């Protein structure tokens, strides 16, 4: 039924509807990013950060409200953070890309997990925190995914075991790093993210993920130092680097491993 709808639907209209759906999901992710790390529930109406005025329907249209209001609060006129439209647009493009790039049912698995990555990315970037509740929901959903598709013989048991062992080893590796560096640049939230992201990427792509996260982090830190945006010794949240590395590992992990083994064979 789903494939019939996709085949017989005009492609341009279908892409537009997927993109709009992604914008709406991104608006919800903004709520998750802002509320859960601050100990607030997801219920109740949204209010402006600057003046706590309850927002009306015209203030909550994803991206379009930001453009129409010229990036300013409709009540007090203060600037609205660019984080909000950025999350909405990123979620929309991620939704469109994932559905078009991955075959079903992998597309649903990765789409849901990409939403988790967006939440982790911006939560850590804005607040330097990781929401335990978001982590637990993501962990439970990934475990259910592995168990269900193992039961229908879509995923092999040896892959599940390898992925689980690698996730545990990488999490322990981060614990050792935190202990050795005395928590400079890393925290307990990074342990949770490494554990969850290893399940998302699977073995052996999880090895690519952890390697790339340090490479990306090092490059970004160097650029910020050269640009004078950061001073030597100042730490950066590691979560965003993990999130970026996870996406790259999901999409290109196999090719990166093939290139690596090719170079080793020379």
C-alpha atoms as a PDB file:
ATOM      1  CA  UNK A   1       0.000   0.000   0.000  1.00  0.00           C
ATOM      2  CA  UNK A   2       2.794   2.433   0.939  1.00  0.00           C
ATOM      3  CA  UNK A   3       4.799   1.612  -2.198  1.00  0.00           C
ATOM      4  CA  UNK A   4       1.642   2.049  -4.326  1.00  0.00           C
ATOM      5  CA  UNK A   5       1.088   5.554  -2.912  1.00  0.00           C
ATOM      6  CA  UNK A   6       4.717   6.529  -3.503  1.00  0.00           C
ATOM      7  CA  UNK A   7       4.732   5.214  -7.090  1.00  0.00           C
ATOM      8  CA  UNK A   8       1.457   6.843  -8.112  1.00  0.00           C
ATOM      9  CA  UNK A   9       1.971  10.190  -6.368  1.00  0.00           C
ATOM     10  CA  UNK A  10       3.452  13.135  -8.334  1.00  0.00           C
ATOM     11  CA  UNK A  11       7.103  13.217  -7.222  1.00  0.00           C
ATOM     12  CA  UNK A  12       7.355  17.003  -6.821  1.00  0.00           C
ATOM     13  CA  UNK A  13       4.230  17.141  -4.643  1.00  0.00           C
ATOM     14  CA  UNK A  14       5.409  14.142  -2.657  1.00  0.00           C
ATOM     15  CA  UNK A  15       8.780  15.766  -1.959  1.00  0.00           C
ATOM     16  CA  UNK A  16       7.048  18.965  -0.920  1.00  0.00           C
ATOM     17  CA  UNK A  17       4.767  17.135   1.528  1.00  0.00           C
ATOM     18  CA  UNK A  18       7.723  15.233   2.997  1.00  0.00           C
ATOM     19  CA  UNK A  19       9.623  18.504   3.412  1.00  0.00           C
ATOM     20  CA  UNK A  20       6.669  20.239   5.102  1.00  0.00           C
ATOM     21  CA  UNK A  21       6.221  17.239   7.395  1.00  0.00           C
ATOM     22  CA  UNK A  22       9.897  17.528   8.315  1.00  0.00           C
ATOM     23  CA  UNK A  23       9.445  21.217   9.166  1.00  0.00           C
ATOM     24  CA  UNK A  24       6.587  20.338  11.527  1.00  0.00           C
ATOM     25  CA  UNK A  25       8.632  17.599  13.174  1.00  0.00           C
ATOM     26  CA  UNK A  26      11.479  20.090  13.543  1.00  0.00           C
ATOM     27  CA  UNK A  27       9.133  22.475  15.349  1.00  0.00           C
ATOM     28  CA  UNK A  28       8.360  19.704  17.829  1.00  0.00           C
ATOM     29  CA  UNK A  29      12.060  18.901  18.214  1.00  0.00           C
ATOM     30  CA  UNK A  30      12.632  22.534  19.176  1.00  0.00           C
ATOM     31  CA  UNK A  31      10.212  22.009  22.051  1.00  0.00           C
ATOM     32  CA  UNK A  32      12.074  18.857  23.134  1.00  0.00           C
ATOM     33  CA  UNK A  33      15.458  20.611  22.889  1.00  0.00           C
ATOM     34  CA  UNK A  34      14.331  23.574  24.984  1.00  0.00           C
ATOM     35  CA  UNK A  35      12.196  21.903  27.618  1.00  0.00           C
ATOM     36  CA  UNK A  36      13.566  18.506  28.620  1.00  0.00           C
ATOM     37  CA  UNK A  37      17.122  19.624  29.519  1.00  0.00           C
ATOM     38  CA  UNK A  38      15.589  22.319  31.713  1.00  0.00           C
ATOM     39  CA  UNK A  39      13.344  19.877  33.551  1.00  0.00           C
ATOM     40  CA  UNK A  40      10.130  21.017  31.872  1.00  0.00           C
ATOM     41  CA  UNK A  41       7.456  18.745  30.448  1.00  0.00           C
ATOM     42  CA  UNK A  42       6.322  18.704  26.838  1.00  0.00           C
ATOM     43  CA  UNK A  43       2.757  19.669  27.700  1.00  0.00           C
ATOM     44  CA  UNK A  44       1.356  23.194  27.748  1.00  0.00           C
ATOM     45  CA  UNK A  45       1.552  26.067  25.304  1.00  0.00           C
ATOM     46  CA  UNK A  46       4.818  27.503  24.040  1.00  0.00           C
ATOM     47  CA  UNK A  47       6.052  30.873  25.272  1.00  0.00           C
ATOM     48  CA  UNK A  48       8.632  33.316  23.938  1.00  0.00           C
ATOM     49  CA  UNK A  49      12.076  32.935  25.521  1.00  0.00           C
ATOM     50  CA  UNK A  50      12.607  36.677  25.797  1.00  0.00           C
ATOM     51  CA  UNK A  51       9.369  37.824  27.459  1.00  0.00           C
ATOM     52  CA  UNK A  52       7.507  34.574  28.305  1.00  0.00           C
ATOM     53  CA  UNK A  53       4.458  35.712  26.302  1.00  0.00           C
ATOM     54  CA  UNK A  54       2.264  32.797  25.213  1.00  0.00           C
ATOM     55  CA  UNK A  55       2.734  32.325  21.480  1.00  0.00           C
ATOM     56  CA  UNK A  56      -0.206  32.328  19.117  1.00  0.00           C
ATOM     57  CA  UNK A  57      -0.738  30.146  16.056  1.00  0.00           C
ATOM     58  CA  UNK A  58       0.776  32.766  13.749  1.00  0.00           C
ATOM     59  CA  UNK A  59       4.003  32.672  15.780  1.00  0.00           C
ATOM     60  CA  UNK A  60       4.401  28.910  15.510  1.00  0.00           C
ATOM     61  CA  UNK A  61       4.431  28.240  11.759  1.00  0.00           C
ATOM     62  CA  UNK A  62       7.802  26.559  11.158  1.00  0.00           C
ATOM     63  CA  UNK A  63      10.364  28.853   9.466  1.00  0.00           C
ATOM     64  CA  UNK A  64       7.672  31.054   7.891  1.00  0.00           C
ATOM     65  CA  UNK A  65       6.846  32.766  11.189  1.00  0.00           C
ATOM     66  CA  UNK A  66      10.520  33.555  11.683  1.00  0.00           C
ATOM     67  CA  UNK A  67      10.744  35.062   8.192  1.00  0.00           C
ATOM     68  CA  UNK A  68       7.502  37.050   8.476  1.00  0.00           C
ATOM     69  CA  UNK A  69       8.481  38.390  11.900  1.00  0.00           C
ATOM     70  CA  UNK A  70      11.972  39.176  10.560  1.00  0.00           C
ATOM     71  CA  UNK A  71      13.518  37.142  13.324  1.00  0.00           C
ATOM     72  CA  UNK A  72      12.020  39.180  16.138  1.00  0.00           C
ATOM     73  CA  UNK A  73       9.477  38.479  18.877  1.00  0.00           C
ATOM     74  CA  UNK A  74       6.010  39.731  17.938  1.00  0.00           C
ATOM     75  CA  UNK A  75       5.454  40.989  21.492  1.00  0.00           C
ATOM     76  CA  UNK A  76       8.689  42.617  22.692  1.00  0.00           C
ATOM     77  CA  UNK A  77      10.651  42.901  19.462  1.00  0.00           C
ATOM     78  CA  UNK A  78      13.771  41.123  20.711  1.00  0.00           C
ATOM     79  CA  UNK A  79      15.694  38.847  18.355  1.00  0.00           C
ATOM     80  CA  UNK A  80      14.644  35.229  18.080  1.00  0.00           C
ATOM     81  CA  UNK A  81      17.482  32.719  18.145  1.00  0.00           C
ATOM     82  CA  UNK A  82      18.541  31.309  14.774  1.00  0.00           C
ATOM     83  CA  UNK A  83      18.537  27.902  16.423  1.00  0.00           C
ATOM     84  CA  UNK A  84      14.784  27.587  15.890  1.00  0.00           C
ATOM     85  CA  UNK A  85      14.608  27.890  12.085  1.00  0.00           C
ATOM     86  CA  UNK A  86      17.919  26.005  11.822  1.00  0.00           C
ATOM     87  CA  UNK A  87      16.462  22.982  13.644  1.00  0.00           C
ATOM     88  CA  UNK A  88      13.296  23.087  11.528  1.00  0.00           C
ATOM     89  CA  UNK A  89      15.153  23.324   8.212  1.00  0.00           C
ATOM     90  CA  UNK A  90      17.713  20.703   9.191  1.00  0.00           C
ATOM     91  CA  UNK A  91      14.941  18.309  10.215  1.00  0.00           C
ATOM     92  CA  UNK A  92      13.071  18.916   6.941  1.00  0.00           C
ATOM     93  CA  UNK A  93      16.138  18.230   4.787  1.00  0.00           C
ATOM     94  CA  UNK A  94      17.075  15.208   6.920  1.00  0.00           C
ATOM     95  CA  UNK A  95      13.565  13.799   6.491  1.00  0.00           C
ATOM     96  CA  UNK A  96      13.610  14.244   2.731  1.00  0.00           C
ATOM     97  CA  UNK A  97      17.123  12.854   2.343  1.00  0.00           C
ATOM     98  CA  UNK A  98      16.555   9.807   4.549  1.00  0.00           C
ATOM     99  CA  UNK A  99      13.319   8.723   2.880  1.00  0.00           C
ATOM    100  CA  UNK A 100      14.839   9.097  -0.588  1.00  0.00           C
ATOM    101  CA  UNK A 101      18.271   7.637   0.199  1.00  0.00           C
ATOM    102  CA  UNK A 102      17.544   4.562   2.324  1.00  0.00           C
ATOM    103  CA  UNK A 103      15.260   1.661   1.344  1.00  0.00           C
ATOM    104  CA  UNK A 104      12.340   0.707   3.559  1.00  0.00           C
ATOM    105  CA  UNK A 105      12.468  -0.288   6.459  1.00  0.00           C
ATOM    106  CA  UNK A 106      15.974   1.126   7.017  1.00  0.00           C
ATOM    107  CA  UNK A 107      14.642   4.567   6.120  1.00  0.00           C
ATOM    108  CA  UNK A 108      12.256   4.573   9.097  1.00  0.00           C
ATOM    109  CA  UNK A 109      14.977   3.336  11.462  1.00  0.00           C
ATOM    110  CA  UNK A 110      17.474   5.977  10.392  1.00  0.00           C
ATOM    111  CA  UNK A 111      14.881   8.740  10.155  1.00  0.00           C
ATOM    112  CA  UNK A 112      13.814   8.310  13.774  1.00  0.00           C
ATOM    113  CA  UNK A 113      17.442   8.120  14.869  1.00  0.00           C
ATOM    114  CA  UNK A 114      18.397  11.214  12.862  1.00  0.00           C
ATOM    115  CA  UNK A 115      15.705  13.043  14.818  1.00  0.00           C
ATOM    116  CA  UNK A 116      17.395  11.880  18.019  1.00  0.00           C
ATOM    117  CA  UNK A 117      20.745  13.099  16.668  1.00  0.00           C
ATOM    118  CA  UNK A 118      19.307  16.556  15.987  1.00  0.00           C
ATOM    119  CA  UNK A 119      18.006  16.751  19.553  1.00  0.00           C
ATOM    120  CA  UNK A 120      21.351  15.644  21.009  1.00  0.00           C
ATOM    121  CA  UNK A 121      23.294  17.998  18.728  1.00  0.00           C
ATOM    122  CA  UNK A 122      21.434  21.163  19.673  1.00  0.00           C
ATOM    123  CA  UNK A 123      20.848  20.237  23.320  1.00  0.00           C
ATOM    124  CA  UNK A 124      24.571  19.794  23.866  1.00  0.00           C
ATOM    125  CA  UNK A 125      25.425  22.849  21.763  1.00  0.00           C
ATOM    126  CA  UNK A 126      22.980  25.152  23.580  1.00  0.00           C
ATOM    127  CA  UNK A 127      23.090  23.842  27.132  1.00  0.00           C
ATOM    128  CA  UNK A 128      26.044  21.448  27.362  1.00  0.00           C
ATOM    129  CA  UNK A 129      23.612  18.794  28.568  1.00  0.00           C
ATOM    130  CA  UNK A 130      22.233  15.435  27.475  1.00  0.00           C
ATOM    131  CA  UNK A 131      18.615  14.608  28.223  1.00  0.00           C
ATOM    132  CA  UNK A 132      18.456  11.268  30.054  1.00  0.00           C
ATOM    133  CA  UNK A 133      14.825  10.762  29.005  1.00  0.00           C
ATOM    134  CA  UNK A 134      15.678  11.261  25.312  1.00  0.00           C
ATOM    135  CA  UNK A 135      18.582   8.820  25.667  1.00  0.00           C
ATOM    136  CA  UNK A 136      16.362   6.191  27.300  1.00  0.00           C
ATOM    137  CA  UNK A 137      13.661   6.497  24.639  1.00  0.00           C
ATOM    138  CA  UNK A 138      16.298   6.207  21.906  1.00  0.00           C
ATOM    139  CA  UNK A 139      17.925   3.216  23.586  1.00  0.00           C
ATOM    140  CA  UNK A 140      14.617   1.377  24.023  1.00  0.00           C
ATOM    141  CA  UNK A 141      13.555   2.019  20.410  1.00  0.00           C
ATOM    142  CA  UNK A 142      16.881   0.763  19.069  1.00  0.00           C
ATOM    143  CA  UNK A 143      16.730  -2.384  21.198  1.00  0.00           C
ATOM    144  CA  UNK A 144      13.167  -3.030  19.986  1.00  0.00           C
ATOM    145  CA  UNK A 145      14.318  -2.530  16.389  1.00  0.00           C
ATOM    146  CA  UNK A 146      17.127  -5.073  16.740  1.00  0.00           C
ATOM    147  CA  UNK A 147      14.960  -7.630  18.527  1.00  0.00           C
ATOM    148  CA  UNK A 148      12.060  -7.328  16.081  1.00  0.00           C
ATOM    149  CA  UNK A 149      14.137  -7.572  12.912  1.00  0.00           C
ATOM    150  CA  UNK A 150      16.104 -10.444  14.429  1.00  0.00           C
ATOM    151  CA  UNK A 151      12.814 -12.247  15.011  1.00  0.00           C
ATOM    152  CA  UNK A 152      11.878 -11.861  11.312  1.00  0.00           C
ATOM    153  CA  UNK A 153      15.415 -12.872  10.225  1.00  0.00           C
ATOM    154  CA  UNK A 154      16.210  -9.431   8.815  1.00  0.00           C
ATOM    155  CA  UNK A 155      19.202  -8.938  11.145  1.00  0.00           C
ATOM    156  CA  UNK A 156      21.589 -11.745  12.064  1.00  0.00           C
ATOM    157  CA  UNK A 157      22.413 -12.573  15.681  1.00  0.00           C
ATOM    158  CA  UNK A 158      26.157 -12.231  15.146  1.00  0.00           C
ATOM    159  CA  UNK A 159      25.669  -8.628  13.963  1.00  0.00           C
ATOM    160  CA  UNK A 160      23.613  -7.814  17.068  1.00  0.00           C
ATOM    161  CA  UNK A 161      26.241  -9.348  19.368  1.00  0.00           C
ATOM    162  CA  UNK A 162      29.105  -7.559  17.591  1.00  0.00           C
ATOM    163  CA  UNK A 163      27.252  -4.237  17.722  1.00  0.00           C
ATOM    164  CA  UNK A 164      26.426  -4.629  21.415  1.00  0.00           C
ATOM    165  CA  UNK A 165      29.983  -5.583  22.388  1.00  0.00           C
ATOM    166  CA  UNK A 166      31.480  -2.731  20.365  1.00  0.00           C
ATOM    167  CA  UNK A 167      29.030  -0.249  21.892  1.00  0.00           C
ATOM    168  CA  UNK A 168      30.005  -1.353  25.402  1.00  0.00           C
ATOM    169  CA  UNK A 169      33.747  -1.232  24.610  1.00  0.00           C
ATOM    170  CA  UNK A 170      33.519   2.258  23.102  1.00  0.00           C
ATOM    171  CA  UNK A 171      31.497   3.492  26.084  1.00  0.00           C
ATOM    172  CA  UNK A 172      34.162   2.112  28.432  1.00  0.00           C
ATOM    173  CA  UNK A 173      36.820   3.799  26.285  1.00  0.00           C
ATOM    174  CA  UNK A 174      35.098   7.167  26.830  1.00  0.00           C
ATOM    175  CA  UNK A 175      34.906   6.456  30.583  1.00  0.00           C
ATOM    176  CA  UNK A 176      38.676   5.877  30.615  1.00  0.00           C
ATOM    177  CA  UNK A 177      39.268   9.106  28.659  1.00  0.00           C
ATOM    178  CA  UNK A 178      37.114  11.095  31.080  1.00  0.00           C
ATOM    179  CA  UNK A 179      39.000   9.581  34.017  1.00  0.00           C
ATOM    180  CA  UNK A 180      42.433  10.276  32.519  1.00  0.00           C
ATOM    181  CA  UNK A 181      41.579  13.851  31.458  1.00  0.00           C
ATOM    182  CA  UNK A 182      39.592  14.491  34.650  1.00  0.00           C
ATOM    183  CA  UNK A 183      36.513  15.443  32.662  1.00  0.00           C
ATOM    184  CA  UNK A 184      38.124  18.202  30.586  1.00  0.00           C
ATOM    185  CA  UNK A 185      36.233  18.356  27.292  1.00  0.00           C
ATOM    186  CA  UNK A 186      34.042  15.326  28.006  1.00  0.00           C
ATOM    187  CA  UNK A 187      31.317  14.384  30.434  1.00  0.00           C
ATOM    188  CA  UNK A 188      29.018  11.559  31.413  1.00  0.00           C
ATOM    189  CA  UNK A 189      26.570  12.559  28.692  1.00  0.00           C
ATOM    190  CA  UNK A 190      29.159  11.636  26.073  1.00  0.00           C
ATOM    191  CA  UNK A 191      29.213   8.088  27.438  1.00  0.00           C
ATOM    192  CA  UNK A 192      25.475   7.792  26.860  1.00  0.00           C
ATOM    193  CA  UNK A 193      25.707   9.234  23.367  1.00  0.00           C
ATOM    194  CA  UNK A 194      28.547   6.913  22.349  1.00  0.00           C
ATOM    195  CA  UNK A 195      26.560   3.928  23.613  1.00  0.00           C
ATOM    196  CA  UNK A 196      23.409   4.924  21.704  1.00  0.00           C
ATOM    197  CA  UNK A 197      25.171   6.109  18.554  1.00  0.00           C
ATOM    198  CA  UNK A 198      27.090   2.821  18.362  1.00  0.00           C
ATOM    199  CA  UNK A 199      23.747   1.020  18.159  1.00  0.00           C
ATOM    200  CA  UNK A 200      22.585   3.417  15.433  1.00  0.00           C
ATOM    201  CA  UNK A 201      25.674   2.942  13.270  1.00  0.00           C
ATOM    202  CA  UNK A 202      26.165  -0.744  14.057  1.00  0.00           C
ATOM    203  CA  UNK A 203      29.426  -2.655  13.931  1.00  0.00           C
ATOM    204  CA  UNK A 204      31.908  -1.962  12.305  1.00  0.00           C
ATOM    205  CA  UNK A 205      30.659   1.529  11.390  1.00  0.00           C
ATOM    206  CA  UNK A 206      30.681   2.456  15.078  1.00  0.00           C
ATOM    207  CA  UNK A 207      34.487   2.327  14.920  1.00  0.00           C
ATOM    208  CA  UNK A 208      34.393   4.823  12.058  1.00  0.00           C
ATOM    209  CA  UNK A 209      32.028   6.970  14.109  1.00  0.00           C
ATOM    210  CA  UNK A 210      34.282   7.261  17.149  1.00  0.00           C
ATOM    211  CA  UNK A 211      37.376   7.876  14.993  1.00  0.00           C
ATOM    212  CA  UNK A 212      35.678  10.571  12.897  1.00  0.00           C
ATOM    213  CA  UNK A 213      34.293  12.322  15.986  1.00  0.00           C
ATOM    214  CA  UNK A 214      37.821  12.994  17.242  1.00  0.00           C
ATOM    215  CA  UNK A 215      38.992  14.054  13.773  1.00  0.00           C
ATOM    216  CA  UNK A 216      36.083  16.478  13.328  1.00  0.00           C
ATOM    217  CA  UNK A 217      36.495  17.778  16.867  1.00  0.00           C
ATOM    218  CA  UNK A 218      40.202  18.364  16.339  1.00  0.00           C
ATOM    219  CA  UNK A 219      39.699  20.185  13.038  1.00  0.00           C
ATOM    220  CA  UNK A 220      36.927  22.416  14.399  1.00  0.00           C
ATOM    221  CA  UNK A 221      38.947  23.216  17.538  1.00  0.00           C
ATOM    222  CA  UNK A 222      41.987  24.140  15.428  1.00  0.00           C
ATOM    223  CA  UNK A 223      39.920  26.401  13.161  1.00  0.00           C
ATOM    224  CA  UNK A 224      38.360  28.167  16.159  1.00  0.00           C
ATOM    225  CA  UNK A 225      41.796  28.643  17.743  1.00  0.00           C
ATOM    226  CA  UNK A 226      43.256  30.113  14.548  1.00  0.00           C
ATOM    227  CA  UNK A 227      40.208  32.349  14.104  1.00  0.00           C
ATOM    228  CA  UNK A 228      40.512  33.558  17.689  1.00  0.00           C
ATOM    229  CA  UNK A 229      37.056  32.322  18.635  1.00  0.00           C
ATOM    230  CA  UNK A 230      38.421  30.018  21.325  1.00  0.00           C
ATOM    231  CA  UNK A 231      41.471  30.147  23.569  1.00  0.00           C
ATOM    232  CA  UNK A 232      43.820  27.241  24.172  1.00  0.00           C
ATOM    233  CA  UNK A 233      42.501  25.131  27.044  1.00  0.00           C
ATOM    234  CA  UNK A 234      38.852  26.054  26.500  1.00  0.00           C
ATOM    235  CA  UNK A 235      36.661  23.013  25.980  1.00  0.00           C
ATOM    236  CA  UNK A 236      33.978  22.448  23.361  1.00  0.00           C
ATOM    237  CA  UNK A 237      30.922  20.203  23.716  1.00  0.00           C
ATOM    238  CA  UNK A 238      31.828  16.839  22.223  1.00  0.00           C
ATOM    239  CA  UNK A 239      28.241  15.805  21.477  1.00  0.00           C
ATOM    240  CA  UNK A 240      27.875  17.747  18.204  1.00  0.00           C
ATOM    241  CA  UNK A 241      31.033  16.096  16.842  1.00  0.00           C
ATOM    242  CA  UNK A 242      29.650  12.682  17.760  1.00  0.00           C
ATOM    243  CA  UNK A 243      26.373  13.494  16.014  1.00  0.00           C
ATOM    244  CA  UNK A 244      28.094  14.632  12.815  1.00  0.00           C
ATOM    245  CA  UNK A 245      30.380  11.596  12.834  1.00  0.00           C
ATOM    246  CA  UNK A 246      27.376   9.300  13.306  1.00  0.00           C
ATOM    247  CA  UNK A 247      25.598  10.697  10.244  1.00  0.00           C
ATOM    248  CA  UNK A 248      28.744  10.384   8.113  1.00  0.00           C
ATOM    249  CA  UNK A 249      29.314   6.828   9.378  1.00  0.00           C
ATOM    250  CA  UNK A 250      25.736   5.793   8.588  1.00  0.00           C
ATOM    251  CA  UNK A 251      25.904   7.159   5.034  1.00  0.00           C
ATOM    252  CA  UNK A 252      29.568   6.578   4.129  1.00  0.00           C
ATOM    253  CA  UNK A 253      30.882   4.221   6.824  1.00  0.00           C
ATOM    254  CA  UNK A 254      31.176   1.247   4.493  1.00  0.00           C
ATOM    255  CA  UNK A 255      33.085   3.248   1.867  1.00  0.00           C
ATOM    256  CA  UNK A 256      35.418   4.713   4.476  1.00  0.00           C
ATOM    257  CA  UNK A 257      36.216   1.231   5.802  1.00  0.00           C
ATOM    258  CA  UNK A 258      36.797  -0.075   2.275  1.00  0.00           C
ATOM    259  CA  UNK A 259      39.186   2.804   1.561  1.00  0.00           C
ATOM    260  CA  UNK A 260      40.993   2.202   4.853  1.00  0.00           C
ATOM    261  CA  UNK A 261      41.467  -1.522   4.222  1.00  0.00           C
ATOM    262  CA  UNK A 262      42.610  -0.758   0.653  1.00  0.00           C
ATOM    263  CA  UNK A 263      45.281   1.607   1.943  1.00  0.00           C
ATOM    264  CA  UNK A 264      46.400  -0.936   4.554  1.00  0.00           C
ATOM    265  CA  UNK A 265      46.715  -3.615   1.868  1.00  0.00           C
ATOM    266  CA  UNK A 266      49.174  -1.493  -0.110  1.00  0.00           C
END
